Amino acid sequence: MGSPSEVGREAEENDAEEGVSAAELVRKGTWKHAAFHVATTIATPAAYAPLPFALASLGWPLGVSSLVSATLATWYSSILIASLWKWNGEKHLTYRHLARSIFGFWGYWSVAFFQQVASLGNNIAIQIAAGSSLKAVYKHYHQDGKLTLQHFIVFFGIFELILSQLPDIHSLRWVNALCTFSTIGFAGTTIGVTIYNGKKIDRTSVSYSVQGSSASKSFKAFNALGTIAFSFGDAMLPEIQNTVREPAKRNMYRSISAAYSVIVLTYWQLAFSGYWAFGSEVQPYILASLSIPEWTVVMANIFAAIQICGCFQIYCRPTYAYFEEIMGSNKSISHFPFRNNLARLTYTSIYMVLVTLIAAAMPFFGDFVSICGAIGFTPLDFVFPALAYLKAGSIAKNSKLGLLMRPLNILIATWFSIVAILGCIGAVKFIVEDIKNYKFFHDM
């Protein structure tokens, strides 16, 4: 028997070989389809909604600079990941296989770990957000209704279980097209209503000072950095790129730039207008701060729930992929479609029960956003792309561009490693406090 690393490496290689033929069948997507996928995974209501609160935790100068720099850094990092497609002449079907080709055994399993943290944490957070939006719509029409947040989290989980039976990311392209338009609808409606509410408030009563003691301000700032990292989370770029037809690099560059055009136009406006309107009193989920006109608030919540449906599916796919690889190696299952479908229903049900249970038991939206951003998305979206590009030797050593990119990549990797640590510290502190203050299954 070989060493654990040799066994793991052999398993990874088998996974890659088994996935090639299936992957070839689905690489029909255009750059527009990829743009829908990228926009859906990043620009979610759960990503937009906490940004004004993050700015309120940092103040205007640090908040604005953090948001702008994170936008530019993630766009740059996404371009780096897309450029590593076939960097050594081989196809890398998933993020973890790309990591293995550059960093070896530990690269594979490190990315697998961070992807699972990002996937699970993101889906817990956005399921809480979807439940909150559905509850808000329900309460608008049934003010004395007895259904709680937990009911709507369960309802959303059942719907996602149904969508989970679709086979792959490419099969979600029309769902994600609808979600992208819902993103624009959500952002436009929420920005408009936020400005409207802000004008109705006595502006002299709005404070922009960061509240609390020096220690409290520090932990709020740490938490906010994790929140901003979460808001740009996209741990699925290689998987998305694998659905795109050739030339894959050029098509992916176009899709990333198109998606980020939507993100810049909406993220910044909502973050700045939300903080301007409510100041330090803004809520972690911006829709909770809005009150009038009621019908527009309801519409924003409906857009939010629709958009989250697609985002949830993108982020549960890495977990499903592990189960599918196990099934692929089990010949007694893989050759029988009925057994395949039954196995898929079983493992997707287990996943949905787990995520739904955690979301319903601890519906602390802001805390999950921050810890997921710090531990899951920051390594995958900021640190790994910069280090991978350096390690792969893709930077021309003697060119002017290479002389600029090398220190830039080192700076991004170093700074966002610090952000990950600080964000994790802030998030853990607030989770501990919320567990002390609220009972499990609290109706927030």
Protein backbone atom coordinates (compact mmCIF):
# COMPACT_ATOMS: atom_id res chain seq x y z
CA MET A 1 0.00 0.00 0.00
CA GLY A 2 1.26 3.52 -0.88
CA SER A 3 1.48 6.52 1.39
CA PRO A 4 -1.65 8.62 2.06
CA SER A 5 -0.45 11.29 -0.34
CA GLU A 6 0.09 8.71 -3.10
CA VAL A 7 -3.35 7.20 -2.53
CA GLY A 8 -4.93 10.66 -2.56
CA ARG A 9 -3.08 11.64 -5.72
CA GLU A 10 -4.19 8.47 -7.49
CA ALA A 11 -7.79 9.13 -6.48
CA GLU A 12 -7.57 12.70 -7.78
CA GLU A 13 -6.17 11.55 -11.12
CA ASN A 14 -8.95 8.98 -11.48
CA ASP A 15 -11.51 11.69 -10.73
CA ALA A 16 -10.05 13.90 -13.44
CA GLU A 17 -10.00 11.14 -16.04
CA GLU A 18 -13.56 10.10 -15.30
CA GLY A 19 -14.77 13.70 -15.52
CA VAL A 20 -13.28 14.59 -18.91
CA SER A 21 -15.77 12.84 -21.13
CA ALA A 22 -18.75 14.17 -19.20
CA ALA A 23 -17.31 17.66 -19.13
CA GLU A 24 -16.81 17.71 -22.90
CA LEU A 25 -20.52 17.17 -23.37
CA VAL A 26 -21.52 20.30 -21.47
CA ARG A 27 -18.93 22.76 -22.82
CA LYS A 28 -21.46 24.52 -25.04
CA GLY A 29 -21.96 27.71 -23.05
CA THR A 30 -21.42 31.16 -24.55
CA TRP A 31 -19.73 34.04 -22.75
CA LYS A 32 -23.22 35.39 -22.00
CA HIS A 33 -24.17 32.14 -20.22
CA ALA A 34 -20.94 32.34 -18.22
CA ALA A 35 -21.68 35.98 -17.36
CA PHE A 36 -25.06 34.89 -15.98
CA HIS A 37 -23.33 32.26 -13.85
CA VAL A 38 -20.64 34.65 -12.58
CA ALA A 39 -23.14 37.42 -11.82
CA THR A 40 -25.43 34.95 -10.06
CA THR A 41 -22.67 33.58 -7.83
CA ILE A 42 -21.34 37.01 -6.82
CA ALA A 43 -24.12 39.60 -7.05
CA THR A 44 -26.68 38.09 -4.69
CA PRO A 45 -29.02 39.94 -2.31
CA ALA A 46 -27.08 38.28 0.51
CA ALA A 47 -23.94 39.96 -0.88
CA TYR A 48 -25.54 43.36 -1.50
CA ALA A 49 -27.61 43.54 1.67
CA PRO A 50 -24.84 43.67 4.33
CA LEU A 51 -22.62 46.18 2.49
CA PRO A 52 -24.15 49.36 4.02
CA PHE A 53 -23.75 47.74 7.46
CA ALA A 54 -20.12 46.93 6.65
CA LEU A 55 -19.49 50.56 5.70
CA ALA A 56 -21.18 51.66 8.94
CA SER A 57 -18.74 49.47 10.87
CA LEU A 58 -15.75 51.07 9.13
CA GLY A 59 -16.82 54.68 8.56
CA TRP A 60 -16.76 56.58 5.27
CA PRO A 61 -13.01 56.76 4.44
CA LEU A 62 -12.04 53.18 5.36
CA GLY A 63 -15.36 51.74 4.19
CA VAL A 64 -15.23 53.30 0.71
CA SER A 65 -11.55 52.45 0.20
CA SER A 66 -12.12 48.83 1.35
CA LEU A 67 -15.08 48.35 -1.00
CA VAL A 68 -13.36 49.86 -4.03
CA SER A 69 -10.09 47.99 -3.47
CA ALA A 70 -11.96 44.68 -2.95
CA THR A 71 -13.84 45.22 -6.24
CA LEU A 72 -10.65 45.82 -8.20
CA ALA A 73 -8.76 43.00 -6.47
CA THR A 74 -11.44 40.37 -7.15
CA TRP A 75 -11.83 41.42 -10.78
CA TYR A 76 -8.06 41.13 -11.21
CA SER A 77 -7.96 37.78 -9.37
CA SER A 78 -10.80 36.41 -11.49
CA ILE A 79 -8.90 37.32 -14.66
CA LEU A 80 -5.84 35.52 -13.27
CA ILE A 81 -7.83 32.33 -12.64
CA ALA A 82 -9.37 32.47 -16.13
CA SER A 83 -5.91 32.93 -17.67
CA LEU A 84 -4.68 29.71 -16.00
CA TRP A 85 -7.03 27.64 -18.16
CA LYS A 86 -4.80 24.95 -19.77
CA TRP A 87 -1.75 26.74 -18.34
CA ASN A 88 0.29 23.52 -18.68
CA GLY A 89 -1.52 22.20 -21.76
CA GLU A 90 -4.01 20.15 -19.73
CA LYS A 91 -7.64 20.82 -18.90
CA HIS A 92 -8.46 21.38 -15.24
CA LEU A 93 -12.16 20.74 -14.79
CA THR A 94 -12.53 22.06 -11.25
CA TYR A 95 -10.86 24.53 -8.91
CA ARG A 96 -9.28 21.72 -6.90
CA HIS A 97 -7.83 20.05 -10.00
CA LEU A 98 -6.33 23.39 -11.06
CA ALA A 99 -4.82 23.70 -7.58
CA ARG A 100 -3.35 20.19 -7.79
CA SER A 101 -1.71 20.96 -11.14
CA ILE A 102 0.10 23.95 -9.61
CA PHE A 103 0.61 23.09 -5.92
CA GLY A 104 0.30 19.31 -5.90
CA PHE A 105 -1.45 17.12 -3.32
CA TRP A 106 -1.84 19.77 -0.62
CA GLY A 107 -3.10 22.33 -3.11
CA TYR A 108 -5.88 19.96 -4.12
CA TRP A 109 -7.06 19.27 -0.59
CA SER A 110 -6.62 22.85 0.63
CA VAL A 111 -8.86 24.18 -2.12
CA ALA A 112 -11.32 21.32 -1.53
CA PHE A 113 -11.54 22.34 2.13
CA PHE A 114 -11.96 26.06 1.45
CA GLN A 115 -14.53 25.35 -1.27
CA GLN A 116 -16.61 23.29 1.11
CA VAL A 117 -16.42 26.00 3.79
CA ALA A 118 -17.41 28.65 1.23
CA SER A 119 -20.17 26.48 -0.22
CA LEU A 120 -21.69 25.48 3.10
CA GLY A 121 -21.29 28.87 4.78
CA ASN A 122 -22.63 30.77 1.78
CA ASN A 123 -25.68 28.57 1.45
CA ILE A 124 -26.49 28.81 5.16
CA ALA A 125 -26.26 32.62 4.96
CA ILE A 126 -28.33 32.99 1.80
CA GLN A 127 -30.95 30.51 3.00
CA ILE A 128 -31.41 32.73 6.06
CA ALA A 129 -31.67 35.74 3.71
CA ALA A 130 -34.22 33.97 1.48
CA GLY A 131 -36.28 32.96 4.51
CA SER A 132 -36.20 36.55 5.81
CA SER A 133 -37.38 37.91 2.45
CA LEU A 134 -40.17 35.35 2.14
CA LYS A 135 -41.28 36.08 5.71
CA ALA A 136 -41.34 39.83 4.96
CA VAL A 137 -43.64 39.24 1.97
CA TYR A 138 -45.88 36.97 4.07
CA LYS A 139 -46.10 39.52 6.91
CA HIS A 140 -47.10 42.23 4.45
CA TYR A 141 -50.23 40.29 3.52
CA HIS A 142 -50.79 38.51 6.87
CA GLN A 143 -49.67 40.82 9.66
CA ASP A 144 -51.05 38.48 12.32
CA GLY A 145 -49.82 35.32 10.59
CA LYS A 146 -48.25 32.67 12.80
CA LEU A 147 -45.62 31.36 10.41
CA THR A 148 -42.06 32.01 11.62
CA LEU A 149 -38.72 32.53 9.89
CA GLN A 150 -37.98 28.83 10.39
CA HIS A 151 -41.04 27.84 8.34
CA PHE A 152 -39.83 29.87 5.36
CA ILE A 153 -36.29 28.54 5.66
CA VAL A 154 -37.76 25.02 5.41
CA PHE A 155 -40.00 25.97 2.45
CA PHE A 156 -36.99 27.37 0.62
CA GLY A 157 -34.98 24.22 1.41
CA ILE A 158 -37.66 22.01 -0.15
CA PHE A 159 -37.67 24.09 -3.34
CA GLU A 160 -33.86 23.93 -3.55
CA LEU A 161 -34.00 20.15 -3.15
CA ILE A 162 -36.15 20.02 -6.28
CA LEU A 163 -33.72 22.24 -8.24
CA SER A 164 -30.85 20.06 -7.00
CA GLN A 165 -32.05 17.24 -9.24
CA LEU A 166 -30.85 19.18 -12.31
CA PRO A 167 -27.61 17.48 -13.40
CA ASP A 168 -25.03 20.29 -13.76
CA ILE A 169 -24.28 24.02 -13.82
CA HIS A 170 -24.99 24.35 -17.55
CA SER A 171 -28.52 23.00 -17.00
CA LEU A 172 -29.11 26.00 -14.70
CA ARG A 173 -28.32 28.58 -17.40
CA TRP A 174 -31.92 29.78 -17.85
CA VAL A 175 -32.53 29.75 -14.12
CA ASN A 176 -29.45 31.92 -13.71
CA ALA A 177 -30.50 34.21 -16.56
CA LEU A 178 -33.72 34.88 -14.61
CA CYS A 179 -31.65 35.33 -11.45
CA THR A 180 -29.38 37.87 -13.14
CA PHE A 181 -32.37 39.98 -14.17
CA SER A 182 -33.72 39.59 -10.63
CA THR A 183 -30.37 40.85 -9.34
CA ILE A 184 -30.74 44.01 -11.43
CA GLY A 185 -34.36 44.32 -10.32
CA PHE A 186 -33.41 43.86 -6.67
CA ALA A 187 -30.55 46.36 -6.85
CA GLY A 188 -32.56 48.99 -8.73
CA THR A 189 -35.58 48.68 -6.46
CA THR A 190 -33.56 48.61 -3.23
CA ILE A 191 -31.36 51.56 -4.22
CA GLY A 192 -34.43 53.61 -5.18
CA VAL A 193 -36.34 52.76 -2.01
CA THR A 194 -33.25 53.37 0.14
CA ILE A 195 -32.79 56.88 -1.27
CA TYR A 196 -36.54 57.54 -0.88
CA ASN A 197 -36.44 56.44 2.76
CA GLY A 198 -33.30 58.48 3.35
CA LYS A 199 -34.97 61.65 2.12
CA LYS A 200 -37.95 61.07 4.45
CA ILE A 201 -35.67 60.87 7.50
CA ASP A 202 -34.61 63.97 9.43
CA ARG A 203 -31.04 64.21 8.16
CA THR A 204 -29.84 65.94 11.31
CA SER A 205 -30.68 62.78 13.30
CA VAL A 206 -28.45 60.53 11.16
CA SER A 207 -25.02 59.79 12.64
CA TYR A 208 -22.08 58.31 10.74
CA SER A 209 -19.79 57.77 13.71
CA VAL A 210 -18.80 54.19 14.55
CA GLN A 211 -20.49 53.29 17.86
CA GLY A 212 -18.95 51.48 20.84
CA SER A 213 -15.69 51.18 22.75
CA SER A 214 -12.29 50.97 21.08
CA ALA A 215 -12.32 47.16 21.37
CA SER A 216 -15.87 46.99 20.02
CA LYS A 217 -14.97 49.22 17.08
CA SER A 218 -12.00 46.98 16.26
CA PHE A 219 -14.11 43.81 16.25
CA LYS A 220 -16.78 45.53 14.13
CA ALA A 221 -14.09 46.53 11.64
CA PHE A 222 -12.72 42.96 11.53
CA ASN A 223 -16.25 41.64 10.98
CA ALA A 224 -16.85 44.18 8.21
CA LEU A 225 -13.73 43.09 6.32
CA GLY A 226 -15.02 39.52 6.31
CA THR A 227 -18.41 40.78 5.11
CA ILE A 228 -16.87 42.66 2.18
CA ALA A 229 -14.83 39.58 1.25
CA PHE A 230 -18.04 37.52 1.28
CA SER A 231 -19.76 40.04 -0.97
CA PHE A 232 -17.26 39.31 -3.76
CA GLY A 233 -17.19 35.56 -3.21
CA ASP A 234 -16.91 33.38 -6.30
CA ALA A 235 -15.23 30.08 -5.51
CA MET A 236 -16.49 28.42 -8.72
CA LEU A 237 -14.74 30.13 -11.64
CA PRO A 238 -12.92 27.06 -13.06
CA GLU A 239 -16.16 25.05 -12.86
CA ILE A 240 -17.98 27.82 -14.71
CA GLN A 241 -15.19 28.16 -17.28
CA ASN A 242 -15.46 24.44 -17.95
CA THR A 243 -18.98 25.01 -19.35
CA VAL A 244 -17.76 27.63 -21.86
CA ARG A 245 -17.01 26.84 -25.50
CA GLU A 246 -13.66 27.69 -27.08
CA PRO A 247 -11.90 30.07 -27.03
CA ALA A 248 -12.52 29.56 -23.33
CA LYS A 249 -10.07 32.18 -22.07
CA ARG A 250 -11.36 35.02 -24.21
CA ASN A 251 -14.99 34.11 -23.54
CA MET A 252 -14.30 33.99 -19.81
CA TYR A 253 -12.57 37.38 -19.85
CA ARG A 254 -15.68 38.84 -21.51
CA SER A 255 -18.06 37.16 -19.07
CA ILE A 256 -16.09 38.31 -16.00
CA SER A 257 -15.91 41.90 -17.26
CA ALA A 258 -19.63 41.93 -18.11
CA ALA A 259 -20.56 40.54 -14.70
CA TYR A 260 -18.33 43.06 -12.91
CA SER A 261 -19.92 45.91 -14.86
CA VAL A 262 -23.23 44.96 -13.26
CA ILE A 263 -21.53 44.57 -9.87
CA VAL A 264 -19.85 48.00 -9.93
CA LEU A 265 -23.02 49.78 -11.01
CA THR A 266 -25.09 48.16 -8.26
CA TYR A 267 -22.79 47.27 -5.32
CA TRP A 268 -21.33 50.70 -4.90
CA GLN A 269 -24.63 52.54 -5.28
CA LEU A 270 -26.43 50.35 -2.75
CA ALA A 271 -23.55 50.39 -0.25
CA PHE A 272 -23.14 54.16 -0.40
CA SER A 273 -26.85 55.04 -0.52
CA GLY A 274 -27.68 52.60 2.31
CA TYR A 275 -25.03 54.05 4.61
CA TRP A 276 -25.99 57.61 3.61
CA ALA A 277 -29.68 56.98 4.32
CA PHE A 278 -29.46 55.30 7.72
CA GLY A 279 -25.94 55.98 8.97
CA SER A 280 -24.72 53.88 11.89
CA GLU A 281 -28.28 52.61 12.52
CA VAL A 282 -28.45 50.63 9.27
CA GLN A 283 -29.39 46.96 9.74
CA PRO A 284 -27.14 43.99 8.71
CA TYR A 285 -29.78 43.07 6.09
CA ILE A 286 -30.60 46.38 4.35
CA LEU A 287 -34.20 45.41 3.56
CA ALA A 288 -34.91 45.33 7.32
CA SER A 289 -34.16 49.08 7.41
CA LEU A 290 -36.71 49.91 4.69
CA SER A 291 -40.33 50.71 5.50
CA ILE A 292 -41.96 52.83 2.77
CA PRO A 293 -43.49 52.55 0.26
CA GLU A 294 -44.49 49.07 1.35
CA TRP A 295 -45.22 47.63 -2.09
CA THR A 296 -41.70 48.41 -3.31
CA VAL A 297 -40.18 46.76 -0.23
CA VAL A 298 -42.28 43.67 -1.00
CA MET A 299 -41.07 43.72 -4.61
CA ALA A 300 -37.42 43.95 -3.50
CA ASN A 301 -37.91 40.94 -1.22
CA ILE A 302 -39.46 38.94 -4.07
CA PHE A 303 -36.50 39.76 -6.33
CA ALA A 304 -34.17 38.70 -3.51
CA ALA A 305 -35.83 35.31 -3.03
CA ILE A 306 -35.79 34.58 -6.79
CA GLN A 307 -32.12 35.49 -7.17
CA ILE A 308 -31.01 33.41 -4.19
CA CYS A 309 -32.58 30.30 -5.78
CA GLY A 310 -29.92 30.25 -8.50
CA CYS A 311 -27.00 31.28 -6.32
CA PHE A 312 -27.73 28.47 -3.87
CA GLN A 313 -27.55 25.93 -6.67
CA ILE A 314 -24.18 27.16 -7.96
CA TYR A 315 -22.62 26.84 -4.52
CA CYS A 316 -23.96 23.40 -3.64
CA ARG A 317 -22.43 21.90 -6.80
CA PRO A 318 -18.89 21.35 -5.40
CA THR A 319 -20.38 19.20 -2.63
CA TYR A 320 -22.54 17.30 -5.08
CA ALA A 321 -19.46 16.75 -7.26
CA TYR A 322 -17.78 14.74 -4.48
CA PHE A 323 -20.75 12.41 -4.27
CA GLU A 324 -20.88 12.09 -8.06
CA GLU A 325 -17.20 11.11 -8.15
CA ILE A 326 -17.88 8.39 -5.59
CA MET A 327 -20.83 7.19 -7.67
CA GLY A 328 -18.69 7.22 -10.80
CA SER A 329 -16.22 4.85 -9.19
CA ASN A 330 -19.05 2.51 -8.12
CA LYS A 331 -19.76 0.49 -11.27
CA SER A 332 -22.82 -1.19 -9.73
CA ILE A 333 -24.50 2.23 -9.50
CA SER A 334 -23.12 4.19 -12.45
CA HIS A 335 -24.60 1.92 -15.15
CA PHE A 336 -28.20 2.12 -13.88
CA PRO A 337 -30.02 5.46 -14.41
CA PHE A 338 -32.68 4.71 -11.76
CA ARG A 339 -30.02 4.00 -9.14
CA ASN A 340 -28.19 7.16 -10.20
CA ASN A 341 -31.31 9.25 -9.72
CA LEU A 342 -32.11 7.60 -6.40
CA ALA A 343 -28.54 8.13 -5.17
CA ARG A 344 -28.69 11.78 -6.26
CA LEU A 345 -31.97 12.29 -4.42
CA THR A 346 -30.42 10.73 -1.31
CA TYR A 347 -27.24 12.80 -1.10
CA THR A 348 -28.95 16.06 -2.11
CA SER A 349 -31.56 15.41 0.60
CA ILE A 350 -28.83 14.88 3.21
CA TYR A 351 -27.14 18.12 2.17
CA MET A 352 -30.37 20.13 2.21
CA VAL A 353 -31.43 18.80 5.61
CA LEU A 354 -28.04 19.75 7.08
CA VAL A 355 -27.99 23.29 5.64
CA THR A 356 -31.64 23.91 6.48
CA LEU A 357 -31.22 22.69 10.05
CA ILE A 358 -28.23 24.96 10.72
CA ALA A 359 -29.90 27.98 9.08
CA ALA A 360 -33.11 27.48 11.08
CA ALA A 361 -31.31 26.84 14.38
CA MET A 362 -28.88 29.80 14.15
CA PRO A 363 -30.39 32.46 11.86
CA PHE A 364 -27.58 34.96 12.47
CA PHE A 365 -27.25 36.25 8.92
CA GLY A 366 -24.49 38.83 9.43
CA ASP A 367 -22.26 36.46 11.43
CA PHE A 368 -22.39 33.66 8.85
CA VAL A 369 -21.67 36.16 6.07
CA SER A 370 -18.52 37.37 7.81
CA ILE A 371 -17.07 34.00 8.81
CA CYS A 372 -17.81 32.52 5.39
CA GLY A 373 -16.10 35.46 3.71
CA ALA A 374 -13.07 35.22 6.00
CA ILE A 375 -12.45 31.45 5.97
CA GLY A 376 -13.96 30.41 2.65
CA PHE A 377 -13.92 33.14 0.04
CA THR A 378 -10.84 35.18 0.99
CA PRO A 379 -8.38 32.28 0.40
CA LEU A 380 -10.08 31.22 -2.84
CA ASP A 381 -10.83 34.61 -4.37
CA PHE A 382 -7.86 36.69 -3.29
CA VAL A 383 -4.95 34.65 -1.93
CA PHE A 384 -4.92 31.53 -4.13
CA PRO A 385 -5.22 33.27 -7.55
CA ALA A 386 -2.27 35.57 -6.80
CA LEU A 387 -0.06 32.74 -5.51
CA ALA A 388 -1.11 30.31 -8.26
CA TYR A 389 -0.21 32.78 -10.99
CA LEU A 390 3.20 33.32 -9.41
CA LYS A 391 3.80 29.58 -8.91
CA ALA A 392 2.70 28.69 -12.45
CA GLY A 393 5.39 31.00 -13.83
CA SER A 394 2.88 32.83 -16.01
CA ILE A 395 4.46 36.23 -15.35
CA ALA A 396 7.08 37.28 -17.90
CA LYS A 397 10.15 38.02 -15.76
CA ASN A 398 11.77 40.68 -17.89
CA SER A 399 8.71 42.59 -19.05
CA LYS A 400 7.45 45.85 -17.53
CA LEU A 401 4.08 44.22 -16.89
CA GLY A 402 5.80 41.32 -15.10
CA LEU A 403 7.75 43.70 -12.88
CA LEU A 404 4.45 45.29 -11.87
CA MET A 405 2.41 42.09 -11.45
CA ARG A 406 4.83 40.23 -9.22
CA PRO A 407 4.81 42.70 -6.29
CA LEU A 408 1.08 43.31 -6.84
CA ASN A 409 0.32 39.59 -6.49
CA ILE A 410 2.48 39.32 -3.37
CA LEU A 411 0.74 42.37 -1.86
CA ILE A 412 -2.75 40.97 -2.58
CA ALA A 413 -1.89 37.54 -1.16
CA THR A 414 -0.32 39.03 1.99
CA TRP A 415 -2.96 41.65 2.74
CA PHE A 416 -5.95 39.37 2.21
CA SER A 417 -4.37 36.63 4.32
CA ILE A 418 -4.41 39.20 7.13
CA VAL A 419 -8.01 40.11 6.27
CA ALA A 420 -8.99 36.42 6.53
CA ILE A 421 -7.53 36.15 10.05
CA LEU A 422 -9.06 39.43 11.27
CA GLY A 423 -12.44 38.67 9.70
CA CYS A 424 -12.52 35.25 11.34
CA ILE A 425 -11.73 36.75 14.76
CA GLY A 426 -14.52 39.32 14.43
CA ALA A 427 -17.09 36.81 13.17
CA VAL A 428 -16.40 34.23 15.90
CA LYS A 429 -16.79 36.91 18.59
CA PHE A 430 -20.20 37.99 17.32
CA ILE A 431 -21.43 34.41 16.82
CA VAL A 432 -20.54 33.63 20.46
CA GLU A 433 -22.39 36.77 21.61
CA ASP A 434 -25.49 35.96 19.54
CA ILE A 435 -25.63 32.38 20.85
CA LYS A 436 -25.60 33.82 24.39
CA ASN A 437 -28.32 36.36 23.61
CA TYR A 438 -30.69 34.20 21.54
CA LYS A 439 -32.13 30.72 21.87
CA PHE A 440 -31.75 28.19 19.10
CA PHE A 441 -34.49 28.44 16.44
CA HIS A 442 -35.13 32.04 17.44
CA ASP A 443 -37.64 33.79 15.17
CA MET A 444 -35.53 36.77 14.08
